[in-house]
């Protein structure tokens, strides 16, 4: 029984529910490449996903290790913030998280080398994947600790909603084009908004340990206004993106969740960010906006491919 409890704690430590985002966003990049006429490259698809998922695992376990001090003093964790609580509750030793992060990083690097040396040979492949891997590691790891320097949110948006789809596209097409960049603009806005939502419950603990998130730096009220602006920008940018070349069906699919976004903005303006009882749903709905929009874009490109 103790063994199974340890295994379950280890699984929870990895926060597996966040892995779906890496699969969806990577697939989005792959499908955009196929939409542009590039034949599907199965080996690049598989090895690229290995690199993405291993990098995610590295990030999750590293964050648990390097953010342990903040998690220990956090008295308002939610399902989406404050860490998994497995190290805080003593169910696993901190070095377990660190060792797993290092092993996961090693797997990501091996996948990078396989891609850049044999599957999609070239310095660009190696540089693109390594950039994401280094940014992911130094998001919480010293000496950079990017999340404590006021750039954590932008760093995460670059890794997750920009580089992940671009990796999917580049590993198939062998080049970077404008279309995948246009497609991820709304997703980048929603990614930063999601992080703001997750940071409200952690603000006091983050401030105490010197973790300078945007909510800590700006103050909760200003961060709430920024949140609303980013969510609004994700959808108001669509006409411009369409004029620049985003397919109309994709733009319409991206707009599908705009009623939910407007309702969320209305709730934020009414001050739900002040209410700890609503922090969990605040984060959840923002995650739904991000992942739902990514799925809608992915479905639209698949329809264009097979329609």
C-alpha atoms as a PDB file:
ATOM      1  CA  UNK A   1       0.000   0.000   0.000  1.00  0.00           C
ATOM      2  CA  UNK A   2       2.854   2.375   0.836  1.00  0.00           C
ATOM      3  CA  UNK A   3       4.467   1.691  -2.551  1.00  0.00           C
ATOM      4  CA  UNK A   4       1.277   2.596  -4.407  1.00  0.00           C
ATOM      5  CA  UNK A   5       0.909   5.744  -2.313  1.00  0.00           C
ATOM      6  CA  UNK A   6       4.441   6.749  -3.289  1.00  0.00           C
ATOM      7  CA  UNK A   7       3.807   6.021  -6.960  1.00  0.00           C
ATOM      8  CA  UNK A   8       0.591   8.043  -6.876  1.00  0.00           C
ATOM      9  CA  UNK A   9       2.376  10.937  -5.175  1.00  0.00           C
ATOM     10  CA  UNK A  10       5.069  10.823  -7.863  1.00  0.00           C
ATOM     11  CA  UNK A  11       2.434  10.935 -10.607  1.00  0.00           C
ATOM     12  CA  UNK A  12       0.681  13.859  -8.931  1.00  0.00           C
ATOM     13  CA  UNK A  13       4.025  15.623  -8.581  1.00  0.00           C
ATOM     14  CA  UNK A  14       4.300  15.635 -12.384  1.00  0.00           C
ATOM     15  CA  UNK A  15       0.933  17.417 -12.786  1.00  0.00           C
ATOM     16  CA  UNK A  16      -0.034  15.286 -15.761  1.00  0.00           C
ATOM     17  CA  UNK A  17      -3.209  17.251 -16.507  1.00  0.00           C
ATOM     18  CA  UNK A  18      -1.053  20.035 -17.954  1.00  0.00           C
ATOM     19  CA  UNK A  19       0.534  17.713 -20.539  1.00  0.00           C
ATOM     20  CA  UNK A  20      -2.521  17.859 -22.800  1.00  0.00           C
ATOM     21  CA  UNK A  21      -1.660  21.427 -23.732  1.00  0.00           C
ATOM     22  CA  UNK A  22       1.682  20.357 -25.177  1.00  0.00           C
ATOM     23  CA  UNK A  23       0.017  17.684 -27.302  1.00  0.00           C
ATOM     24  CA  UNK A  24      -2.658  20.047 -28.636  1.00  0.00           C
ATOM     25  CA  UNK A  25      -0.328  22.954 -29.398  1.00  0.00           C
ATOM     26  CA  UNK A  26       2.295  20.739 -31.034  1.00  0.00           C
ATOM     27  CA  UNK A  27      -0.410  19.075 -33.146  1.00  0.00           C
ATOM     28  CA  UNK A  28      -1.635  22.529 -34.150  1.00  0.00           C
ATOM     29  CA  UNK A  29       1.753  23.352 -35.649  1.00  0.00           C
ATOM     30  CA  UNK A  30       1.892  20.001 -37.435  1.00  0.00           C
ATOM     31  CA  UNK A  31      -1.582  20.448 -38.939  1.00  0.00           C
ATOM     32  CA  UNK A  32      -0.800  23.981 -40.101  1.00  0.00           C
ATOM     33  CA  UNK A  33       2.191  22.553 -41.980  1.00  0.00           C
ATOM     34  CA  UNK A  34       0.033  19.840 -43.559  1.00  0.00           C
ATOM     35  CA  UNK A  35      -2.559  22.489 -44.498  1.00  0.00           C
ATOM     36  CA  UNK A  36       0.126  24.394 -46.408  1.00  0.00           C
ATOM     37  CA  UNK A  37       0.817  21.305 -48.519  1.00  0.00           C
ATOM     38  CA  UNK A  38       3.689  19.689 -46.630  1.00  0.00           C
ATOM     39  CA  UNK A  39       3.524  15.845 -46.525  1.00  0.00           C
ATOM     40  CA  UNK A  40       3.247  14.483 -42.994  1.00  0.00           C
ATOM     41  CA  UNK A  41       6.624  13.299 -41.647  1.00  0.00           C
ATOM     42  CA  UNK A  42       5.774  10.587 -39.055  1.00  0.00           C
ATOM     43  CA  UNK A  43       9.262  10.352 -37.502  1.00  0.00           C
ATOM     44  CA  UNK A  44       9.412  14.117 -37.004  1.00  0.00           C
ATOM     45  CA  UNK A  45       5.911  14.039 -35.524  1.00  0.00           C
ATOM     46  CA  UNK A  46       6.793  11.363 -32.957  1.00  0.00           C
ATOM     47  CA  UNK A  47      10.257  12.569 -31.960  1.00  0.00           C
ATOM     48  CA  UNK A  48       9.050  16.153 -31.771  1.00  0.00           C
ATOM     49  CA  UNK A  49       6.274  15.146 -29.388  1.00  0.00           C
ATOM     50  CA  UNK A  50       8.808  13.266 -27.265  1.00  0.00           C
ATOM     51  CA  UNK A  51      10.906  16.437 -27.053  1.00  0.00           C
ATOM     52  CA  UNK A  52       7.868  18.560 -26.123  1.00  0.00           C
ATOM     53  CA  UNK A  53       6.495  16.186 -23.487  1.00  0.00           C
ATOM     54  CA  UNK A  54       9.910  15.520 -21.926  1.00  0.00           C
ATOM     55  CA  UNK A  55      10.471  19.282 -21.696  1.00  0.00           C
ATOM     56  CA  UNK A  56       7.100  19.656 -19.989  1.00  0.00           C
ATOM     57  CA  UNK A  57       7.965  16.943 -17.470  1.00  0.00           C
ATOM     58  CA  UNK A  58      11.304  18.639 -16.820  1.00  0.00           C
ATOM     59  CA  UNK A  59       9.552  21.940 -16.208  1.00  0.00           C
ATOM     60  CA  UNK A  60       6.908  20.521 -13.877  1.00  0.00           C
ATOM     61  CA  UNK A  61       9.351  18.623 -11.669  1.00  0.00           C
ATOM     62  CA  UNK A  62      11.891  21.462 -11.669  1.00  0.00           C
ATOM     63  CA  UNK A  63       9.226  23.969 -10.663  1.00  0.00           C
ATOM     64  CA  UNK A  64       8.184  21.740  -7.775  1.00  0.00           C
ATOM     65  CA  UNK A  65      11.793  21.608  -6.564  1.00  0.00           C
ATOM     66  CA  UNK A  66      12.834  25.223  -7.045  1.00  0.00           C
ATOM     67  CA  UNK A  67       9.518  26.722  -5.867  1.00  0.00           C
ATOM     68  CA  UNK A  68       9.312  24.608  -2.712  1.00  0.00           C
ATOM     69  CA  UNK A  69       9.948  27.558  -0.385  1.00  0.00           C
ATOM     70  CA  UNK A  70       7.061  29.547  -1.869  1.00  0.00           C
ATOM     71  CA  UNK A  71       4.764  26.507  -1.886  1.00  0.00           C
ATOM     72  CA  UNK A  72       5.492  25.816   1.778  1.00  0.00           C
ATOM     73  CA  UNK A  73       4.241  29.217   2.921  1.00  0.00           C
ATOM     74  CA  UNK A  74       1.336  29.326   0.474  1.00  0.00           C
ATOM     75  CA  UNK A  75      -1.871  29.088   2.483  1.00  0.00           C
ATOM     76  CA  UNK A  76      -4.246  29.498  -0.469  1.00  0.00           C
ATOM     77  CA  UNK A  77      -3.355  26.829  -3.056  1.00  0.00           C
ATOM     78  CA  UNK A  78      -5.916  25.802  -5.668  1.00  0.00           C
ATOM     79  CA  UNK A  79      -6.208  22.919  -8.096  1.00  0.00           C
ATOM     80  CA  UNK A  80      -4.151  24.953 -10.574  1.00  0.00           C
ATOM     81  CA  UNK A  81      -1.692  26.895  -8.412  1.00  0.00           C
ATOM     82  CA  UNK A  82       0.552  26.442  -5.401  1.00  0.00           C
ATOM     83  CA  UNK A  83       2.225  23.308  -6.721  1.00  0.00           C
ATOM     84  CA  UNK A  84       1.137  19.699  -6.356  1.00  0.00           C
ATOM     85  CA  UNK A  85       1.685  19.836  -2.535  1.00  0.00           C
ATOM     86  CA  UNK A  86       3.439  16.454  -2.664  1.00  0.00           C
ATOM     87  CA  UNK A  87       6.773  17.904  -1.471  1.00  0.00           C
ATOM     88  CA  UNK A  88       5.093  20.316   0.937  1.00  0.00           C
ATOM     89  CA  UNK A  89       3.217  17.441   2.591  1.00  0.00           C
ATOM     90  CA  UNK A  90       6.388  15.338   2.774  1.00  0.00           C
ATOM     91  CA  UNK A  91       5.071  12.522   0.596  1.00  0.00           C
ATOM     92  CA  UNK A  92       8.226  12.660  -1.528  1.00  0.00           C
ATOM     93  CA  UNK A  93      11.730  13.987  -0.982  1.00  0.00           C
ATOM     94  CA  UNK A  94      12.682  17.177  -2.851  1.00  0.00           C
ATOM     95  CA  UNK A  95      15.608  15.431  -4.533  1.00  0.00           C
ATOM     96  CA  UNK A  96      13.095  13.103  -6.231  1.00  0.00           C
ATOM     97  CA  UNK A  97      11.700  16.080  -8.104  1.00  0.00           C
ATOM     98  CA  UNK A  98      15.172  17.377  -9.003  1.00  0.00           C
ATOM     99  CA  UNK A  99      16.456  14.010 -10.255  1.00  0.00           C
ATOM    100  CA  UNK A 100      13.311  13.459 -12.322  1.00  0.00           C
ATOM    101  CA  UNK A 101      13.621  16.942 -13.809  1.00  0.00           C
ATOM    102  CA  UNK A 102      17.228  16.253 -14.815  1.00  0.00           C
ATOM    103  CA  UNK A 103      16.360  12.873 -16.331  1.00  0.00           C
ATOM    104  CA  UNK A 104      13.451  14.426 -18.254  1.00  0.00           C
ATOM    105  CA  UNK A 105      15.758  17.166 -19.497  1.00  0.00           C
ATOM    106  CA  UNK A 106      18.176  14.486 -20.682  1.00  0.00           C
ATOM    107  CA  UNK A 107      15.394  12.741 -22.620  1.00  0.00           C
ATOM    108  CA  UNK A 108      14.411  16.071 -24.200  1.00  0.00           C
ATOM    109  CA  UNK A 109      18.027  16.665 -25.239  1.00  0.00           C
ATOM    110  CA  UNK A 110      18.324  13.167 -26.759  1.00  0.00           C
ATOM    111  CA  UNK A 111      15.139  13.805 -28.761  1.00  0.00           C
ATOM    112  CA  UNK A 112      16.574  17.142 -29.851  1.00  0.00           C
ATOM    113  CA  UNK A 113      19.770  15.463 -31.079  1.00  0.00           C
ATOM    114  CA  UNK A 114      17.831  12.739 -32.895  1.00  0.00           C
ATOM    115  CA  UNK A 115      15.798  15.397 -34.686  1.00  0.00           C
ATOM    116  CA  UNK A 116      18.618  17.803 -35.480  1.00  0.00           C
ATOM    117  CA  UNK A 117      21.128  15.149 -36.584  1.00  0.00           C
ATOM    118  CA  UNK A 118      19.028  12.621 -38.479  1.00  0.00           C
ATOM    119  CA  UNK A 119      15.342  13.480 -38.904  1.00  0.00           C
ATOM    120  CA  UNK A 120      15.380  17.215 -39.659  1.00  0.00           C
ATOM    121  CA  UNK A 121      19.142  17.835 -39.803  1.00  0.00           C
ATOM    122  CA  UNK A 122      20.369  21.335 -39.226  1.00  0.00           C
ATOM    123  CA  UNK A 123      21.416  23.945 -36.713  1.00  0.00           C
ATOM    124  CA  UNK A 124      17.991  25.593 -36.844  1.00  0.00           C
ATOM    125  CA  UNK A 125      16.313  22.441 -35.533  1.00  0.00           C
ATOM    126  CA  UNK A 126      18.763  22.171 -32.655  1.00  0.00           C
ATOM    127  CA  UNK A 127      18.566  25.890 -31.821  1.00  0.00           C
ATOM    128  CA  UNK A 128      14.759  25.996 -31.889  1.00  0.00           C
ATOM    129  CA  UNK A 129      14.336  23.032 -29.565  1.00  0.00           C
ATOM    130  CA  UNK A 130      17.220  23.996 -27.300  1.00  0.00           C
ATOM    131  CA  UNK A 131      15.820  27.514 -26.894  1.00  0.00           C
ATOM    132  CA  UNK A 132      12.548  26.102 -25.583  1.00  0.00           C
ATOM    133  CA  UNK A 133      14.364  23.643 -23.313  1.00  0.00           C
ATOM    134  CA  UNK A 134      16.684  26.257 -21.793  1.00  0.00           C
ATOM    135  CA  UNK A 135      13.892  28.772 -21.261  1.00  0.00           C
ATOM    136  CA  UNK A 136      11.793  26.061 -19.620  1.00  0.00           C
ATOM    137  CA  UNK A 137      14.623  25.078 -17.256  1.00  0.00           C
ATOM    138  CA  UNK A 138      15.594  28.593 -16.275  1.00  0.00           C
ATOM    139  CA  UNK A 139      11.970  29.620 -15.776  1.00  0.00           C
ATOM    140  CA  UNK A 140      12.358  28.545 -12.138  1.00  0.00           C
ATOM    141  CA  UNK A 141      15.976  27.338 -11.870  1.00  0.00           C
ATOM    142  CA  UNK A 142      18.860  29.546 -10.720  1.00  0.00           C
ATOM    143  CA  UNK A 143      20.735  31.576 -11.605  1.00  0.00           C
ATOM    144  CA  UNK A 144      18.192  33.145 -13.974  1.00  0.00           C
ATOM    145  CA  UNK A 145      14.899  32.221 -12.251  1.00  0.00           C
ATOM    146  CA  UNK A 146      12.988  34.078 -14.950  1.00  0.00           C
ATOM    147  CA  UNK A 147       9.719  33.902 -13.044  1.00  0.00           C
ATOM    148  CA  UNK A 148      11.304  36.010 -10.307  1.00  0.00           C
ATOM    149  CA  UNK A 149      12.518  38.729 -12.668  1.00  0.00           C
ATOM    150  CA  UNK A 150       9.177  39.909 -14.004  1.00  0.00           C
ATOM    151  CA  UNK A 151       9.403  38.002 -17.280  1.00  0.00           C
ATOM    152  CA  UNK A 152       8.010  34.622 -16.281  1.00  0.00           C
ATOM    153  CA  UNK A 153       4.660  35.136 -17.962  1.00  0.00           C
ATOM    154  CA  UNK A 154       6.165  36.240 -21.272  1.00  0.00           C
ATOM    155  CA  UNK A 155       8.708  33.417 -21.082  1.00  0.00           C
ATOM    156  CA  UNK A 156       5.954  30.845 -20.633  1.00  0.00           C
ATOM    157  CA  UNK A 157       3.923  32.295 -23.505  1.00  0.00           C
ATOM    158  CA  UNK A 158       6.994  32.056 -25.723  1.00  0.00           C
ATOM    159  CA  UNK A 159       7.693  28.440 -24.747  1.00  0.00           C
ATOM    160  CA  UNK A 160       4.166  27.062 -24.702  1.00  0.00           C
ATOM    161  CA  UNK A 161       2.054  28.968 -27.203  1.00  0.00           C
ATOM    162  CA  UNK A 162       4.729  30.199 -29.622  1.00  0.00           C
ATOM    163  CA  UNK A 163       7.663  27.776 -29.760  1.00  0.00           C
ATOM    164  CA  UNK A 164       5.634  24.575 -29.322  1.00  0.00           C
ATOM    165  CA  UNK A 165       3.436  25.138 -32.429  1.00  0.00           C
ATOM    166  CA  UNK A 166       6.442  26.519 -34.320  1.00  0.00           C
ATOM    167  CA  UNK A 167       8.374  23.345 -33.519  1.00  0.00           C
ATOM    168  CA  UNK A 168       5.494  21.269 -34.854  1.00  0.00           C
ATOM    169  CA  UNK A 169       5.417  23.346 -38.029  1.00  0.00           C
ATOM    170  CA  UNK A 170       9.165  23.555 -38.566  1.00  0.00           C
ATOM    171  CA  UNK A 171       9.851  19.864 -38.009  1.00  0.00           C
ATOM    172  CA  UNK A 172       7.366  19.111 -40.787  1.00  0.00           C
ATOM    173  CA  UNK A 173       8.046  21.988 -43.195  1.00  0.00           C
ATOM    174  CA  UNK A 174      11.737  22.668 -42.581  1.00  0.00           C
ATOM    175  CA  UNK A 175      11.099  26.416 -42.468  1.00  0.00           C
ATOM    176  CA  UNK A 176       9.199  29.051 -40.500  1.00  0.00           C
ATOM    177  CA  UNK A 177       6.355  30.877 -42.236  1.00  0.00           C
ATOM    178  CA  UNK A 178       3.958  33.638 -41.216  1.00  0.00           C
ATOM    179  CA  UNK A 179       0.832  31.480 -40.921  1.00  0.00           C
ATOM    180  CA  UNK A 180       1.715  29.605 -37.703  1.00  0.00           C
ATOM    181  CA  UNK A 181       2.741  32.895 -36.108  1.00  0.00           C
ATOM    182  CA  UNK A 182      -0.622  34.450 -36.990  1.00  0.00           C
ATOM    183  CA  UNK A 183      -2.444  31.438 -35.575  1.00  0.00           C
ATOM    184  CA  UNK A 184      -0.786  31.633 -32.166  1.00  0.00           C
ATOM    185  CA  UNK A 185      -1.237  35.361 -31.476  1.00  0.00           C
ATOM    186  CA  UNK A 186      -4.603  34.878 -29.674  1.00  0.00           C
ATOM    187  CA  UNK A 187      -3.176  31.864 -27.835  1.00  0.00           C
ATOM    188  CA  UNK A 188      -0.202  33.874 -26.554  1.00  0.00           C
ATOM    189  CA  UNK A 189      -2.593  36.506 -25.160  1.00  0.00           C
ATOM    190  CA  UNK A 190      -4.702  33.848 -23.453  1.00  0.00           C
ATOM    191  CA  UNK A 191      -1.601  32.094 -22.074  1.00  0.00           C
ATOM    192  CA  UNK A 192      -0.432  35.229 -20.258  1.00  0.00           C
ATOM    193  CA  UNK A 193      -3.988  35.816 -19.008  1.00  0.00           C
ATOM    194  CA  UNK A 194      -4.109  32.251 -17.707  1.00  0.00           C
ATOM    195  CA  UNK A 195      -0.893  32.770 -15.772  1.00  0.00           C
ATOM    196  CA  UNK A 196      -2.272  35.954 -14.226  1.00  0.00           C
ATOM    197  CA  UNK A 197      -5.340  34.048 -13.092  1.00  0.00           C
ATOM    198  CA  UNK A 198      -3.165  31.350 -11.523  1.00  0.00           C
ATOM    199  CA  UNK A 199      -0.972  33.935  -9.786  1.00  0.00           C
ATOM    200  CA  UNK A 200      -3.737  35.638  -7.767  1.00  0.00           C
ATOM    201  CA  UNK A 201      -3.875  32.845  -5.138  1.00  0.00           C
ATOM    202  CA  UNK A 202      -0.059  32.688  -4.932  1.00  0.00           C
ATOM    203  CA  UNK A 203       0.584  36.430  -4.654  1.00  0.00           C
ATOM    204  CA  UNK A 204       1.273  36.649  -0.922  1.00  0.00           C
ATOM    205  CA  UNK A 205       3.601  33.650  -0.858  1.00  0.00           C
ATOM    206  CA  UNK A 206       5.365  34.822  -4.024  1.00  0.00           C
ATOM    207  CA  UNK A 207       5.893  38.287  -2.568  1.00  0.00           C
ATOM    208  CA  UNK A 208       7.311  36.811   0.637  1.00  0.00           C
ATOM    209  CA  UNK A 209      10.008  34.833  -1.200  1.00  0.00           C
ATOM    210  CA  UNK A 210      10.835  37.535  -3.749  1.00  0.00           C
ATOM    211  CA  UNK A 211       9.103  35.884  -6.700  1.00  0.00           C
ATOM    212  CA  UNK A 212       8.241  38.896  -8.844  1.00  0.00           C
ATOM    213  CA  UNK A 213       5.256  37.755 -10.864  1.00  0.00           C
ATOM    214  CA  UNK A 214       3.172  40.342 -12.694  1.00  0.00           C
ATOM    215  CA  UNK A 215       0.479  40.163 -10.006  1.00  0.00           C
ATOM    216  CA  UNK A 216       3.129  40.924  -7.374  1.00  0.00           C
ATOM    217  CA  UNK A 217       4.706  43.732  -9.384  1.00  0.00           C
ATOM    218  CA  UNK A 218       1.553  45.413 -10.666  1.00  0.00           C
ATOM    219  CA  UNK A 219      -0.730  44.739  -7.735  1.00  0.00           C
ATOM    220  CA  UNK A 220      -3.862  42.623  -7.984  1.00  0.00           C
ATOM    221  CA  UNK A 221      -6.146  45.401  -9.289  1.00  0.00           C
ATOM    222  CA  UNK A 222      -3.845  46.382 -12.152  1.00  0.00           C
ATOM    223  CA  UNK A 223      -3.187  42.732 -12.952  1.00  0.00           C
ATOM    224  CA  UNK A 224      -6.953  42.186 -13.206  1.00  0.00           C
ATOM    225  CA  UNK A 225      -7.197  45.037 -15.737  1.00  0.00           C
ATOM    226  CA  UNK A 226      -4.285  43.550 -17.702  1.00  0.00           C
ATOM    227  CA  UNK A 227      -6.046  40.196 -17.672  1.00  0.00           C
ATOM    228  CA  UNK A 228      -9.178  41.720 -19.199  1.00  0.00           C
ATOM    229  CA  UNK A 229      -7.144  43.577 -21.811  1.00  0.00           C
ATOM    230  CA  UNK A 230      -5.307  40.427 -22.881  1.00  0.00           C
ATOM    231  CA  UNK A 231      -8.468  38.342 -23.167  1.00  0.00           C
ATOM    232  CA  UNK A 232     -10.121  41.119 -25.185  1.00  0.00           C
ATOM    233  CA  UNK A 233      -7.046  41.446 -27.423  1.00  0.00           C
ATOM    234  CA  UNK A 234      -7.084  37.718 -28.174  1.00  0.00           C
ATOM    235  CA  UNK A 235     -10.411  38.138 -29.965  1.00  0.00           C
ATOM    236  CA  UNK A 236     -10.289  41.716 -31.263  1.00  0.00           C
ATOM    237  CA  UNK A 237      -7.039  40.882 -33.082  1.00  0.00           C
ATOM    238  CA  UNK A 238      -8.820  38.332 -35.281  1.00  0.00           C
ATOM    239  CA  UNK A 239      -9.903  40.703 -38.083  1.00  0.00           C
ATOM    240  CA  UNK A 240      -6.311  41.921 -38.468  1.00  0.00           C
ATOM    241  CA  UNK A 241      -4.975  38.369 -38.391  1.00  0.00           C
ATOM    242  CA  UNK A 242      -7.497  37.369 -41.056  1.00  0.00           C
ATOM    243  CA  UNK A 243      -6.438  40.259 -43.285  1.00  0.00           C
ATOM    244  CA  UNK A 244      -2.818  39.153 -42.830  1.00  0.00           C
ATOM    245  CA  UNK A 245      -3.568  35.626 -44.029  1.00  0.00           C
ATOM    246  CA  UNK A 246      -5.229  33.606 -41.267  1.00  0.00           C
ATOM    247  CA  UNK A 247      -7.924  31.459 -42.947  1.00  0.00           C
ATOM    248  CA  UNK A 248     -11.450  32.722 -42.300  1.00  0.00           C
ATOM    249  CA  UNK A 249     -12.617  29.383 -40.891  1.00  0.00           C
ATOM    250  CA  UNK A 250      -9.766  29.428 -38.374  1.00  0.00           C
ATOM    251  CA  UNK A 251     -10.591  33.004 -37.343  1.00  0.00           C
ATOM    252  CA  UNK A 252     -14.257  32.082 -36.863  1.00  0.00           C
ATOM    253  CA  UNK A 253     -13.332  28.961 -34.894  1.00  0.00           C
ATOM    254  CA  UNK A 254     -11.023  31.030 -32.685  1.00  0.00           C
ATOM    255  CA  UNK A 255     -13.904  33.391 -31.970  1.00  0.00           C
ATOM    256  CA  UNK A 256     -16.203  30.539 -30.895  1.00  0.00           C
ATOM    257  CA  UNK A 257     -15.431  30.995 -27.194  1.00  0.00           C
ATOM    258  CA  UNK A 258     -15.685  34.791 -27.243  1.00  0.00           C
ATOM    259  CA  UNK A 259     -19.061  34.774 -25.365  1.00  0.00           C
ATOM    260  CA  UNK A 260     -17.373  32.886 -22.512  1.00  0.00           C
ATOM    261  CA  UNK A 261     -14.472  35.346 -22.681  1.00  0.00           C
ATOM    262  CA  UNK A 262     -16.821  38.337 -22.431  1.00  0.00           C
ATOM    263  CA  UNK A 263     -18.576  36.762 -19.453  1.00  0.00           C
ATOM    264  CA  UNK A 264     -15.210  36.199 -17.788  1.00  0.00           C
ATOM    265  CA  UNK A 265     -14.192  39.816 -18.413  1.00  0.00           C
ATOM    266  CA  UNK A 266     -17.483  40.949 -16.869  1.00  0.00           C
ATOM    267  CA  UNK A 267     -16.830  38.794 -13.801  1.00  0.00           C
ATOM    268  CA  UNK A 268     -13.300  40.154 -13.475  1.00  0.00           C
ATOM    269  CA  UNK A 269     -14.588  43.714 -13.660  1.00  0.00           C
ATOM    270  CA  UNK A 270     -16.962  42.866 -10.822  1.00  0.00           C
ATOM    271  CA  UNK A 271     -13.959  41.849  -8.715  1.00  0.00           C
ATOM    272  CA  UNK A 272     -13.974  38.052  -8.553  1.00  0.00           C
ATOM    273  CA  UNK A 273     -10.177  38.236  -8.337  1.00  0.00           C
ATOM    274  CA  UNK A 274     -10.651  39.529  -4.781  1.00  0.00           C
ATOM    275  CA  UNK A 275     -12.642  36.481  -3.660  1.00  0.00           C
ATOM    276  CA  UNK A 276     -10.546  33.428  -2.663  1.00  0.00           C
ATOM    277  CA  UNK A 277     -13.621  31.227  -3.017  1.00  0.00           C
ATOM    278  CA  UNK A 278     -13.656  32.003  -6.760  1.00  0.00           C
ATOM    279  CA  UNK A 279      -9.952  31.665  -7.487  1.00  0.00           C
ATOM    280  CA  UNK A 280     -10.293  28.037  -8.537  1.00  0.00           C
ATOM    281  CA  UNK A 281     -13.010  28.729 -11.104  1.00  0.00           C
ATOM    282  CA  UNK A 282     -11.223  31.880 -12.273  1.00  0.00           C
ATOM    283  CA  UNK A 283      -8.210  29.772 -13.238  1.00  0.00           C
ATOM    284  CA  UNK A 284     -10.295  26.935 -14.625  1.00  0.00           C
ATOM    285  CA  UNK A 285     -12.349  29.097 -16.980  1.00  0.00           C
ATOM    286  CA  UNK A 286      -9.214  30.838 -18.260  1.00  0.00           C
ATOM    287  CA  UNK A 287      -7.619  27.452 -18.937  1.00  0.00           C
ATOM    288  CA  UNK A 288     -10.794  26.452 -20.797  1.00  0.00           C
ATOM    289  CA  UNK A 289     -10.496  29.615 -22.907  1.00  0.00           C
ATOM    290  CA  UNK A 290      -6.883  28.841 -23.809  1.00  0.00           C
ATOM    291  CA  UNK A 291      -7.228  25.126 -24.472  1.00  0.00           C
ATOM    292  CA  UNK A 292     -10.675  25.438 -26.045  1.00  0.00           C
ATOM    293  CA  UNK A 293      -9.391  28.062 -28.460  1.00  0.00           C
ATOM    294  CA  UNK A 294      -6.362  25.916 -29.323  1.00  0.00           C
ATOM    295  CA  UNK A 295      -8.614  22.905 -29.971  1.00  0.00           C
ATOM    296  CA  UNK A 296     -10.942  25.056 -32.089  1.00  0.00           C
ATOM    297  CA  UNK A 297      -8.010  26.233 -34.225  1.00  0.00           C
ATOM    298  CA  UNK A 298      -6.710  22.679 -34.558  1.00  0.00           C
ATOM    299  CA  UNK A 299     -10.148  21.413 -35.605  1.00  0.00           C
ATOM    300  CA  UNK A 300     -10.496  24.231 -38.151  1.00  0.00           C
ATOM    301  CA  UNK A 301      -7.180  23.410 -39.824  1.00  0.00           C
ATOM    302  CA  UNK A 302      -8.095  19.697 -39.907  1.00  0.00           C
ATOM    303  CA  UNK A 303     -11.419  20.584 -41.552  1.00  0.00           C
ATOM    304  CA  UNK A 304      -9.581  22.677 -44.140  1.00  0.00           C
ATOM    305  CA  UNK A 305      -7.200  19.787 -44.847  1.00  0.00           C
ATOM    306  CA  UNK A 306      -9.904  17.177 -45.313  1.00  0.00           C
ATOM    307  CA  UNK A 307     -12.746  19.437 -46.430  1.00  0.00           C
END
